[in-house]
Amino acid sequence: MKRACFYLTLPLLLLLLNACSSLCCRVPSASVVQAVYTPSPLVLDGRLDEAAWADAPAYYPQLGRGTYDKLPVAMQATVGRELREPGYYKLLWDEDY
């Protein structure tokens, strides 16, 4: 009788463990950043005055999940949990860069 109960409850237990593990271990999808190709040569001077920059999408930096918690305690006070200076970045590439 004990053996029969074991074999009946084992599949249910495995199913329950599988359901719990899929809920607990969800990993958010990584955001995709894409560099846009431009046929015109780029001048790397820190200014975004070329026409290709206007068409490039802007991406906003984010702290990675769990990044703050992995820092040493002494650094956590100076770094903080959020970015202090908002900004964005754009990525272009041509034949040289």
PDB file of N, CA and C in Angstrom:
ATOM      1  N   MET A   1       0.825  -1.201   0.000  1.00  0.00           N
ATOM      2  CA  MET A   1       0.000   0.000   0.000  1.00  0.00           C
ATOM      3  C   MET A   1       0.865   1.260   0.000  1.00  0.00           C
ATOM      4  N   LYS A   2       1.909   1.257   0.814  1.00  0.00           N
ATOM      5  CA  LYS A   2       2.783   2.424   0.864  1.00  0.00           C
ATOM      6  C   LYS A   2       3.453   2.651  -0.483  1.00  0.00           C
ATOM      7  N   ARG A   3       3.832   1.567  -1.126  1.00  0.00           N
ATOM      8  CA  ARG A   3       4.487   1.677  -2.426  1.00  0.00           C
ATOM      9  C   ARG A   3       3.519   2.242  -3.468  1.00  0.00           C
ATOM     10  N   ALA A   4       2.279   1.868  -3.417  1.00  0.00           N
ATOM     11  CA  ALA A   4       1.283   2.364  -4.365  1.00  0.00           C
ATOM     12  C   ALA A   4       1.054   3.863  -4.159  1.00  0.00           C
ATOM     13  N   CYS A   5       0.980   4.298  -2.915  1.00  0.00           N
ATOM     14  CA  CYS A   5       0.809   5.733  -2.628  1.00  0.00           C
ATOM     15  C   CYS A   5       2.018   6.526  -3.110  1.00  0.00           C
ATOM     16  N   PHE A   6       3.204   5.951  -2.934  1.00  0.00           N
ATOM     17  CA  PHE A   6       4.418   6.629  -3.383  1.00  0.00           C
ATOM     18  C   PHE A   6       4.398   6.830  -4.897  1.00  0.00           C
ATOM     19  N   TYR A   7       4.044   5.778  -5.627  1.00  0.00           N
ATOM     20  CA  TYR A   7       4.037   5.875  -7.088  1.00  0.00           C
ATOM     21  C   TYR A   7       2.917   6.769  -7.606  1.00  0.00           C
ATOM     22  N   LEU A   8       1.874   6.948  -6.838  1.00  0.00           N
ATOM     23  CA  LEU A   8       0.794   7.849  -7.244  1.00  0.00           C
ATOM     24  C   LEU A   8       1.141   9.308  -6.955  1.00  0.00           C
ATOM     25  N   THR A   9       1.820   9.554  -5.855  1.00  0.00           N
ATOM     26  CA  THR A   9       2.126  10.940  -5.493  1.00  0.00           C
ATOM     27  C   THR A   9       3.408  11.459  -6.137  1.00  0.00           C
ATOM     28  N   LEU A  10       4.289  10.577  -6.562  1.00  0.00           N
ATOM     29  CA  LEU A  10       5.545  11.014  -7.169  1.00  0.00           C
ATOM     30  C   LEU A  10       5.325  11.869  -8.418  1.00  0.00           C
ATOM     31  N   PRO A  11       4.467  11.461  -9.379  1.00  0.00           N
ATOM     32  CA  PRO A  11       4.255  12.344 -10.547  1.00  0.00           C
ATOM     33  C   PRO A  11       3.665  13.704 -10.166  1.00  0.00           C
ATOM     34  N   LEU A  12       2.780  13.720  -9.182  1.00  0.00           N
ATOM     35  CA  LEU A  12       2.203  14.998  -8.752  1.00  0.00           C
ATOM     36  C   LEU A  12       3.264  15.888  -8.112  1.00  0.00           C
ATOM     37  N   LEU A  13       4.137  15.299  -7.329  1.00  0.00           N
ATOM     38  CA  LEU A  13       5.210  16.057  -6.697  1.00  0.00           C
ATOM     39  C   LEU A  13       6.166  16.624  -7.746  1.00  0.00           C
ATOM     40  N   LEU A  14       6.521  15.814  -8.723  1.00  0.00           N
ATOM     41  CA  LEU A  14       7.406  16.292  -9.792  1.00  0.00           C
ATOM     42  C   LEU A  14       6.750  17.404 -10.604  1.00  0.00           C
ATOM     43  N   LEU A  15       5.478  17.273 -10.865  1.00  0.00           N
ATOM     44  CA  LEU A  15       4.753  18.316 -11.592  1.00  0.00           C
ATOM     45  C   LEU A  15       4.720  19.618 -10.789  1.00  0.00           C
ATOM     46  N   LEU A  16       4.506  19.520  -9.504  1.00  0.00           N
ATOM     47  CA  LEU A  16       4.487  20.702  -8.643  1.00  0.00           C
ATOM     48  C   LEU A  16       5.860  21.364  -8.587  1.00  0.00           C
ATOM     49  N   LEU A  17       6.912  20.587  -8.457  1.00  0.00           N
ATOM     50  CA  LEU A  17       8.268  21.142  -8.436  1.00  0.00           C
ATOM     51  C   LEU A  17       8.613  21.819  -9.757  1.00  0.00           C
ATOM     52  N   ASN A  18       8.185  21.227 -10.847  1.00  0.00           N
ATOM     53  CA  ASN A  18       8.443  21.822 -12.154  1.00  0.00           C
ATOM     54  C   ASN A  18       7.719  23.160 -12.289  1.00  0.00           C
ATOM     55  N   ALA A  19       6.483  23.228 -11.825  1.00  0.00           N
ATOM     56  CA  ALA A  19       5.724  24.479 -11.904  1.00  0.00           C
ATOM     57  C   ALA A  19       6.365  25.559 -11.039  1.00  0.00           C
ATOM     58  N   CYS A  20       6.821  25.196  -9.851  1.00  0.00           N
ATOM     59  CA  CYS A  20       7.461  26.176  -8.966  1.00  0.00           C
ATOM     60  C   CYS A  20       8.776  26.679  -9.547  1.00  0.00           C
ATOM     61  N   SER A  21       9.544  25.786 -10.127  1.00  0.00           N
ATOM     62  CA  SER A  21      10.836  26.219 -10.671  1.00  0.00           C
ATOM     63  C   SER A  21      10.657  27.139 -11.865  1.00  0.00           C
ATOM     64  N   SER A  22       9.628  26.923 -12.661  1.00  0.00           N
ATOM     65  CA  SER A  22       9.425  27.811 -13.805  1.00  0.00           C
ATOM     66  C   SER A  22       8.953  29.192 -13.363  1.00  0.00           C
ATOM     67  N   LEU A  23       8.261  29.290 -12.239  1.00  0.00           N
ATOM     68  CA  LEU A  23       7.823  30.592 -11.742  1.00  0.00           C
ATOM     69  C   LEU A  23       8.950  31.344 -11.050  1.00  0.00           C
ATOM     70  N   CYS A  24       9.787  30.641 -10.328  1.00  0.00           N
ATOM     71  CA  CYS A  24      10.842  31.281  -9.546  1.00  0.00           C
ATOM     72  C   CYS A  24      12.034  31.712 -10.387  1.00  0.00           C
ATOM     73  N   CYS A  25      12.272  31.075 -11.459  1.00  0.00           N
ATOM     74  CA  CYS A  25      13.512  31.286 -12.207  1.00  0.00           C
ATOM     75  C   CYS A  25      13.296  32.010 -13.519  1.00  0.00           C
ATOM     76  N   ARG A  26      12.301  32.818 -13.592  1.00  0.00           N
ATOM     77  CA  ARG A  26      12.084  33.576 -14.825  1.00  0.00           C
ATOM     78  C   ARG A  26      13.171  34.625 -14.976  1.00  0.00           C
ATOM     79  N   VAL A  27      13.767  34.652 -16.130  1.00  0.00           N
ATOM     80  CA  VAL A  27      14.803  35.630 -16.430  1.00  0.00           C
ATOM     81  C   VAL A  27      14.213  36.618 -17.421  1.00  0.00           C
ATOM     82  N   PRO A  28      14.248  37.907 -17.124  1.00  0.00           N
ATOM     83  CA  PRO A  28      13.706  38.870 -18.078  1.00  0.00           C
ATOM     84  C   PRO A  28      14.528  38.869 -19.356  1.00  0.00           C
ATOM     85  N   SER A  29      13.842  39.100 -20.449  1.00  0.00           N
ATOM     86  CA  SER A  29      14.547  39.106 -21.728  1.00  0.00           C
ATOM     87  C   SER A  29      15.497  40.304 -21.786  1.00  0.00           C
ATOM     88  N   ALA A  30      16.624  40.068 -22.372  1.00  0.00           N
ATOM     89  CA  ALA A  30      17.630  41.127 -22.489  1.00  0.00           C
ATOM     90  C   ALA A  30      17.186  42.138 -23.541  1.00  0.00           C
ATOM     91  N   SER A  31      17.423  43.398 -23.270  1.00  0.00           N
ATOM     92  CA  SER A  31      17.088  44.405 -24.259  1.00  0.00           C
ATOM     93  C   SER A  31      18.112  44.342 -25.388  1.00  0.00           C
ATOM     94  N   VAL A  32      17.659  44.638 -26.571  1.00  0.00           N
ATOM     95  CA  VAL A  32      18.511  44.554 -27.753  1.00  0.00           C
ATOM     96  C   VAL A  32      18.937  45.958 -28.156  1.00  0.00           C
ATOM     97  N   VAL A  33      20.217  46.134 -28.361  1.00  0.00           N
ATOM     98  CA  VAL A  33      20.774  47.399 -28.820  1.00  0.00           C
ATOM     99  C   VAL A  33      21.350  47.150 -30.200  1.00  0.00           C
ATOM    100  N   GLN A  34      20.986  48.006 -31.130  1.00  0.00           N
ATOM    101  CA  GLN A  34      21.406  47.791 -32.512  1.00  0.00           C
ATOM    102  C   GLN A  34      22.184  48.995 -33.028  1.00  0.00           C
ATOM    103  N   ALA A  35      23.335  48.726 -33.614  1.00  0.00           N
ATOM    104  CA  ALA A  35      24.119  49.772 -34.269  1.00  0.00           C
ATOM    105  C   ALA A  35      23.638  49.880 -35.712  1.00  0.00           C
ATOM    106  N   VAL A  36      23.391  51.089 -36.166  1.00  0.00           N
ATOM    107  CA  VAL A  36      22.854  51.335 -37.501  1.00  0.00           C
ATOM    108  C   VAL A  36      24.007  51.617 -38.461  1.00  0.00           C
ATOM    109  N   TYR A  37      23.959  51.000 -39.636  1.00  0.00           N
ATOM    110  CA  TYR A  37      24.989  51.223 -40.647  1.00  0.00           C
ATOM    111  C   TYR A  37      24.736  52.549 -41.365  1.00  0.00           C
ATOM    112  N   THR A  38      25.807  53.264 -41.645  1.00  0.00           N
ATOM    113  CA  THR A  38      25.730  54.482 -42.444  1.00  0.00           C
ATOM    114  C   THR A  38      26.804  54.424 -43.524  1.00  0.00           C
ATOM    115  N   PRO A  39      26.445  54.686 -44.762  1.00  0.00           N
ATOM    116  CA  PRO A  39      27.446  54.655 -45.834  1.00  0.00           C
ATOM    117  C   PRO A  39      28.366  55.877 -45.822  1.00  0.00           C
ATOM    118  N   SER A  40      27.920  56.958 -45.215  1.00  0.00           N
ATOM    119  CA  SER A  40      28.760  58.158 -45.169  1.00  0.00           C
ATOM    120  C   SER A  40      29.794  58.019 -44.057  1.00  0.00           C
ATOM    121  N   PRO A  41      30.996  58.542 -44.253  1.00  0.00           N
ATOM    122  CA  PRO A  41      32.027  58.418 -43.220  1.00  0.00           C
ATOM    123  C   PRO A  41      31.659  59.221 -41.971  1.00  0.00           C
ATOM    124  N   LEU A  42      32.007  58.689 -40.828  1.00  0.00           N
ATOM    125  CA  LEU A  42      31.722  59.340 -39.550  1.00  0.00           C
ATOM    126  C   LEU A  42      32.965  60.048 -39.032  1.00  0.00           C
ATOM    127  N   VAL A  43      32.740  61.188 -38.419  1.00  0.00           N
ATOM    128  CA  VAL A  43      33.817  61.912 -37.754  1.00  0.00           C
ATOM    129  C   VAL A  43      33.587  61.749 -36.254  1.00  0.00           C
ATOM    130  N   LEU A  44      34.524  61.139 -35.567  1.00  0.00           N
ATOM    131  CA  LEU A  44      34.380  60.916 -34.128  1.00  0.00           C
ATOM    132  C   LEU A  44      34.901  62.128 -33.367  1.00  0.00           C
ATOM    133  N   ASP A  45      34.023  63.120 -33.219  1.00  0.00           N
ATOM    134  CA  ASP A  45      34.413  64.372 -32.576  1.00  0.00           C
ATOM    135  C   ASP A  45      33.531  64.712 -31.373  1.00  0.00           C
ATOM    136  N   GLY A  46      32.603  63.825 -31.017  1.00  0.00           N
ATOM    137  CA  GLY A  46      31.737  64.084 -29.871  1.00  0.00           C
ATOM    138  C   GLY A  46      30.500  64.893 -30.198  1.00  0.00           C
ATOM    139  N   ARG A  47      30.385  65.371 -31.416  1.00  0.00           N
ATOM    140  CA  ARG A  47      29.199  66.129 -31.829  1.00  0.00           C
ATOM    141  C   ARG A  47      28.325  65.233 -32.695  1.00  0.00           C
ATOM    142  N   LEU A  48      27.044  65.411 -32.596  1.00  0.00           N
ATOM    143  CA  LEU A  48      26.103  64.597 -33.366  1.00  0.00           C
ATOM    144  C   LEU A  48      25.495  65.418 -34.494  1.00  0.00           C
ATOM    145  N   ASP A  49      26.345  66.093 -35.270  1.00  0.00           N
ATOM    146  CA  ASP A  49      25.820  66.983 -36.302  1.00  0.00           C
ATOM    147  C   ASP A  49      25.702  66.314 -37.671  1.00  0.00           C
ATOM    148  N   GLU A  50      26.140  65.076 -37.819  1.00  0.00           N
ATOM    149  CA  GLU A  50      25.949  64.382 -39.095  1.00  0.00           C
ATOM    150  C   GLU A  50      24.508  63.892 -39.202  1.00  0.00           C
ATOM    151  N   ALA A  51      24.006  63.824 -40.418  1.00  0.00           N
ATOM    152  CA  ALA A  51      22.607  63.448 -40.632  1.00  0.00           C
ATOM    153  C   ALA A  51      22.306  62.030 -40.152  1.00  0.00           C
ATOM    154  N   ALA A  52      23.272  61.147 -40.204  1.00  0.00           N
ATOM    155  CA  ALA A  52      23.043  59.756 -39.805  1.00  0.00           C
ATOM    156  C   ALA A  52      22.660  59.635 -38.332  1.00  0.00           C
ATOM    157  N   TRP A  53      23.158  60.533 -37.497  1.00  0.00           N
ATOM    158  CA  TRP A  53      22.834  60.466 -36.072  1.00  0.00           C
ATOM    159  C   TRP A  53      21.351  60.725 -35.815  1.00  0.00           C
ATOM    160  N   ALA A  54      20.711  61.525 -36.647  1.00  0.00           N
ATOM    161  CA  ALA A  54      19.291  61.829 -36.448  1.00  0.00           C
ATOM    162  C   ALA A  54      18.424  60.589 -36.642  1.00  0.00           C
ATOM    163  N   ASP A  55      18.864  59.669 -37.508  1.00  0.00           N
ATOM    164  CA  ASP A  55      18.082  58.464 -37.778  1.00  0.00           C
ATOM    165  C   ASP A  55      18.388  57.321 -36.818  1.00  0.00           C
ATOM    166  N   ALA A  56      19.462  57.419 -36.077  1.00  0.00           N
ATOM    167  CA  ALA A  56      19.843  56.343 -35.156  1.00  0.00           C
ATOM    168  C   ALA A  56      18.954  56.369 -33.915  1.00  0.00           C
ATOM    169  N   PRO A  57      18.493  55.207 -33.457  1.00  0.00           N
ATOM    170  CA  PRO A  57      17.664  55.185 -32.247  1.00  0.00           C
ATOM    171  C   PRO A  57      18.490  55.507 -31.005  1.00  0.00           C
ATOM    172  N   ALA A  58      17.839  56.123 -30.038  1.00  0.00           N
ATOM    173  CA  ALA A  58      18.495  56.458 -28.769  1.00  0.00           C
ATOM    174  C   ALA A  58      18.203  55.356 -27.754  1.00  0.00           C
ATOM    175  N   TYR A  59      19.226  54.974 -27.018  1.00  0.00           N
ATOM    176  CA  TYR A  59      19.091  53.967 -25.966  1.00  0.00           C
ATOM    177  C   TYR A  59      19.453  54.616 -24.636  1.00  0.00           C
ATOM    178  N   TYR A  60      18.712  54.254 -23.605  1.00  0.00           N
ATOM    179  CA  TYR A  60      18.909  54.851 -22.291  1.00  0.00           C
ATOM    180  C   TYR A  60      19.583  53.832 -21.376  1.00  0.00           C
ATOM    181  N   PRO A  61      20.700  54.200 -20.759  1.00  0.00           N
ATOM    182  CA  PRO A  61      21.421  53.238 -19.919  1.00  0.00           C
ATOM    183  C   PRO A  61      20.623  52.866 -18.675  1.00  0.00           C
ATOM    184  N   GLN A  62      20.791  51.634 -18.261  1.00  0.00           N
ATOM    185  CA  GLN A  62      20.135  51.126 -17.063  1.00  0.00           C
ATOM    186  C   GLN A  62      21.143  50.308 -16.278  1.00  0.00           C
ATOM    187  N   LEU A  63      20.981  50.306 -14.983  1.00  0.00           N
ATOM    188  CA  LEU A  63      21.798  49.421 -14.165  1.00  0.00           C
ATOM    189  C   LEU A  63      21.283  48.006 -14.352  1.00  0.00           C
ATOM    190  N   GLY A  64      22.182  47.072 -14.477  1.00  0.00           N
ATOM    191  CA  GLY A  64      21.786  45.681 -14.619  1.00  0.00           C
ATOM    192  C   GLY A  64      21.102  45.173 -13.366  1.00  0.00           C
ATOM    193  N   ARG A  65      20.261  44.191 -13.543  1.00  0.00           N
ATOM    194  CA  ARG A  65      19.539  43.617 -12.413  1.00  0.00           C
ATOM    195  C   ARG A  65      20.540  42.977 -11.453  1.00  0.00           C
ATOM    196  N   GLY A  66      20.510  43.375 -10.214  1.00  0.00           N
ATOM    197  CA  GLY A  66      21.398  42.821  -9.212  1.00  0.00           C
ATOM    198  C   GLY A  66      22.777  43.451  -9.187  1.00  0.00           C
ATOM    199  N   THR A  67      23.017  44.471 -10.023  1.00  0.00           N
ATOM    200  CA  THR A  67      24.336  45.094 -10.068  1.00  0.00           C
ATOM    201  C   THR A  67      24.686  45.743  -8.734  1.00  0.00           C
ATOM    202  N   TYR A  68      23.752  46.458  -8.166  1.00  0.00           N
ATOM    203  CA  TYR A  68      23.991  47.171  -6.906  1.00  0.00           C
ATOM    204  C   TYR A  68      24.352  46.201  -5.780  1.00  0.00           C
ATOM    205  N   ASP A  69      23.644  45.095  -5.709  1.00  0.00           N
ATOM    206  CA  ASP A  69      23.852  44.144  -4.619  1.00  0.00           C
ATOM    207  C   ASP A  69      25.203  43.448  -4.698  1.00  0.00           C
ATOM    208  N   LYS A  70      25.808  43.419  -5.867  1.00  0.00           N
ATOM    209  CA  LYS A  70      27.101  42.751  -6.027  1.00  0.00           C
ATOM    210  C   LYS A  70      28.281  43.665  -5.702  1.00  0.00           C
ATOM    211  N   LEU A  71      28.015  44.937  -5.514  1.00  0.00           N
ATOM    212  CA  LEU A  71      29.089  45.872  -5.181  1.00  0.00           C
ATOM    213  C   LEU A  71      29.516  45.702  -3.728  1.00  0.00           C
ATOM    214  N   PRO A  72      30.765  46.005  -3.418  1.00  0.00           N
ATOM    215  CA  PRO A  72      31.172  46.011  -2.004  1.00  0.00           C
ATOM    216  C   PRO A  72      30.353  47.048  -1.231  1.00  0.00           C
ATOM    217  N   VAL A  73      30.115  46.772   0.033  1.00  0.00           N
ATOM    218  CA  VAL A  73      29.270  47.638   0.864  1.00  0.00           C
ATOM    219  C   VAL A  73      29.798  49.066   0.886  1.00  0.00           C
ATOM    220  N   ALA A  74      31.107  49.245   0.899  1.00  0.00           N
ATOM    221  CA  ALA A  74      31.679  50.587   0.935  1.00  0.00           C
ATOM    222  C   ALA A  74      31.341  51.380  -0.327  1.00  0.00           C
ATOM    223  N   MET A  75      31.168  50.700  -1.450  1.00  0.00           N
ATOM    224  CA  MET A  75      30.861  51.401  -2.700  1.00  0.00           C
ATOM    225  C   MET A  75      29.374  51.664  -2.870  1.00  0.00           C
ATOM    226  N   GLN A  76      28.521  50.881  -2.226  1.00  0.00           N
ATOM    227  CA  GLN A  76      27.080  51.021  -2.412  1.00  0.00           C
ATOM    228  C   GLN A  76      26.583  52.408  -2.036  1.00  0.00           C
ATOM    229  N   ALA A  77      27.151  53.014  -1.009  1.00  0.00           N
ATOM    230  CA  ALA A  77      26.713  54.348  -0.579  1.00  0.00           C
ATOM    231  C   ALA A  77      27.060  55.410  -1.607  1.00  0.00           C
ATOM    232  N   THR A  78      28.184  55.259  -2.291  1.00  0.00           N
ATOM    233  CA  THR A  78      28.589  56.276  -3.260  1.00  0.00           C
ATOM    234  C   THR A  78      27.961  56.053  -4.627  1.00  0.00           C
ATOM    235  N   VAL A  79      27.669  54.814  -4.967  1.00  0.00           N
ATOM    236  CA  VAL A  79      27.122  54.523  -6.294  1.00  0.00           C
ATOM    237  C   VAL A  79      25.621  54.747  -6.324  1.00  0.00           C
ATOM    238  N   GLY A  80      24.888  54.179  -5.382  1.00  0.00           N
ATOM    239  CA  GLY A  80      23.440  54.305  -5.350  1.00  0.00           C
ATOM    240  C   GLY A  80      22.760  53.272  -6.224  1.00  0.00           C
ATOM    241  N   ARG A  81      21.455  53.143  -6.047  1.00  0.00           N
ATOM    242  CA  ARG A  81      20.680  52.146  -6.789  1.00  0.00           C
ATOM    243  C   ARG A  81      20.207  52.654  -8.147  1.00  0.00           C
ATOM    244  N   GLU A  82      20.238  53.946  -8.371  1.00  0.00           N
ATOM    245  CA  GLU A  82      19.756  54.506  -9.635  1.00  0.00           C
ATOM    246  C   GLU A  82      20.848  55.356 -10.267  1.00  0.00           C
ATOM    247  N   LEU A  83      20.742  55.539 -11.565  1.00  0.00           N
ATOM    248  CA  LEU A  83      21.692  56.392 -12.267  1.00  0.00           C
ATOM    249  C   LEU A  83      21.461  57.837 -11.850  1.00  0.00           C
ATOM    250  N   ARG A  84      22.525  58.548 -11.601  1.00  0.00           N
ATOM    251  CA  ARG A  84      22.396  59.933 -11.133  1.00  0.00           C
ATOM    252  C   ARG A  84      22.245  60.924 -12.270  1.00  0.00           C
ATOM    253  N   GLU A  85      22.853  60.642 -13.387  1.00  0.00           N
ATOM    254  CA  GLU A  85      22.784  61.554 -14.520  1.00  0.00           C
ATOM    255  C   GLU A  85      22.125  60.848 -15.696  1.00  0.00           C
ATOM    256  N   PRO A  86      20.907  61.267 -16.033  1.00  0.00           N
ATOM    257  CA  PRO A  86      20.243  60.627 -17.162  1.00  0.00           C
ATOM    258  C   PRO A  86      20.954  60.980 -18.466  1.00  0.00           C
ATOM    259  N   GLY A  87      20.835  60.141 -19.403  1.00  0.00           N
ATOM    260  CA  GLY A  87      21.449  60.389 -20.700  1.00  0.00           C
ATOM    261  C   GLY A  87      21.004  59.332 -21.688  1.00  0.00           C
ATOM    262  N   TYR A  88      21.577  59.358 -22.857  1.00  0.00           N
ATOM    263  CA  TYR A  88      21.274  58.351 -23.864  1.00  0.00           C
ATOM    264  C   TYR A  88      22.510  58.139 -24.717  1.00  0.00           C
ATOM    265  N   TYR A  89      22.489  57.072 -25.480  1.00  0.00           N
ATOM    266  CA  TYR A  89      23.581  56.818 -26.409  1.00  0.00           C
ATOM    267  C   TYR A  89      23.006  56.303 -27.714  1.00  0.00           C
ATOM    268  N   LYS A  90      23.739  56.544 -28.782  1.00  0.00           N
ATOM    269  CA  LYS A  90      23.378  56.096 -30.120  1.00  0.00           C
ATOM    270  C   LYS A  90      24.579  55.371 -30.711  1.00  0.00           C
ATOM    271  N   LEU A  91      24.308  54.364 -31.515  1.00  0.00           N
ATOM    272  CA  LEU A  91      25.382  53.584 -32.113  1.00  0.00           C
ATOM    273  C   LEU A  91      25.262  53.590 -33.626  1.00  0.00           C
ATOM    274  N   LEU A  92      26.333  53.979 -34.282  1.00  0.00           N
ATOM    275  CA  LEU A  92      26.428  53.926 -35.740  1.00  0.00           C
ATOM    276  C   LEU A  92      27.705  53.189 -36.106  1.00  0.00           C
ATOM    277  N   TRP A  93      27.727  52.646 -37.310  1.00  0.00           N
ATOM    278  CA  TRP A  93      28.967  52.066 -37.812  1.00  0.00           C
ATOM    279  C   TRP A  93      29.061  52.304 -39.308  1.00  0.00           C
ATOM    280  N   ASP A  94      30.304  52.442 -39.772  1.00  0.00           N
ATOM    281  CA  ASP A  94      30.570  52.579 -41.203  1.00  0.00           C
ATOM    282  C   ASP A  94      31.690  51.608 -41.557  1.00  0.00           C
ATOM    283  N   GLU A  95      32.281  51.767 -42.702  1.00  0.00           N
ATOM    284  CA  GLU A  95      33.319  50.833 -43.146  1.00  0.00           C
ATOM    285  C   GLU A  95      34.583  50.899 -42.285  1.00  0.00           C
ATOM    286  N   ASP A  96      34.857  52.030 -41.664  1.00  0.00           N
ATOM    287  CA  ASP A  96      36.076  52.187 -40.871  1.00  0.00           C
ATOM    288  C   ASP A  96      35.881  51.921 -39.381  1.00  0.00           C
ATOM    289  N   TYR A  97      34.699  52.200 -38.848  1.00  0.00           N
ATOM    290  CA  TYR A  97      34.464  52.066 -37.405  1.00  0.00           C
ATOM    291  C   TYR A  97      33.306  51.138 -37.141  1.00  0.00           C
TER     292      TYR A  97
END
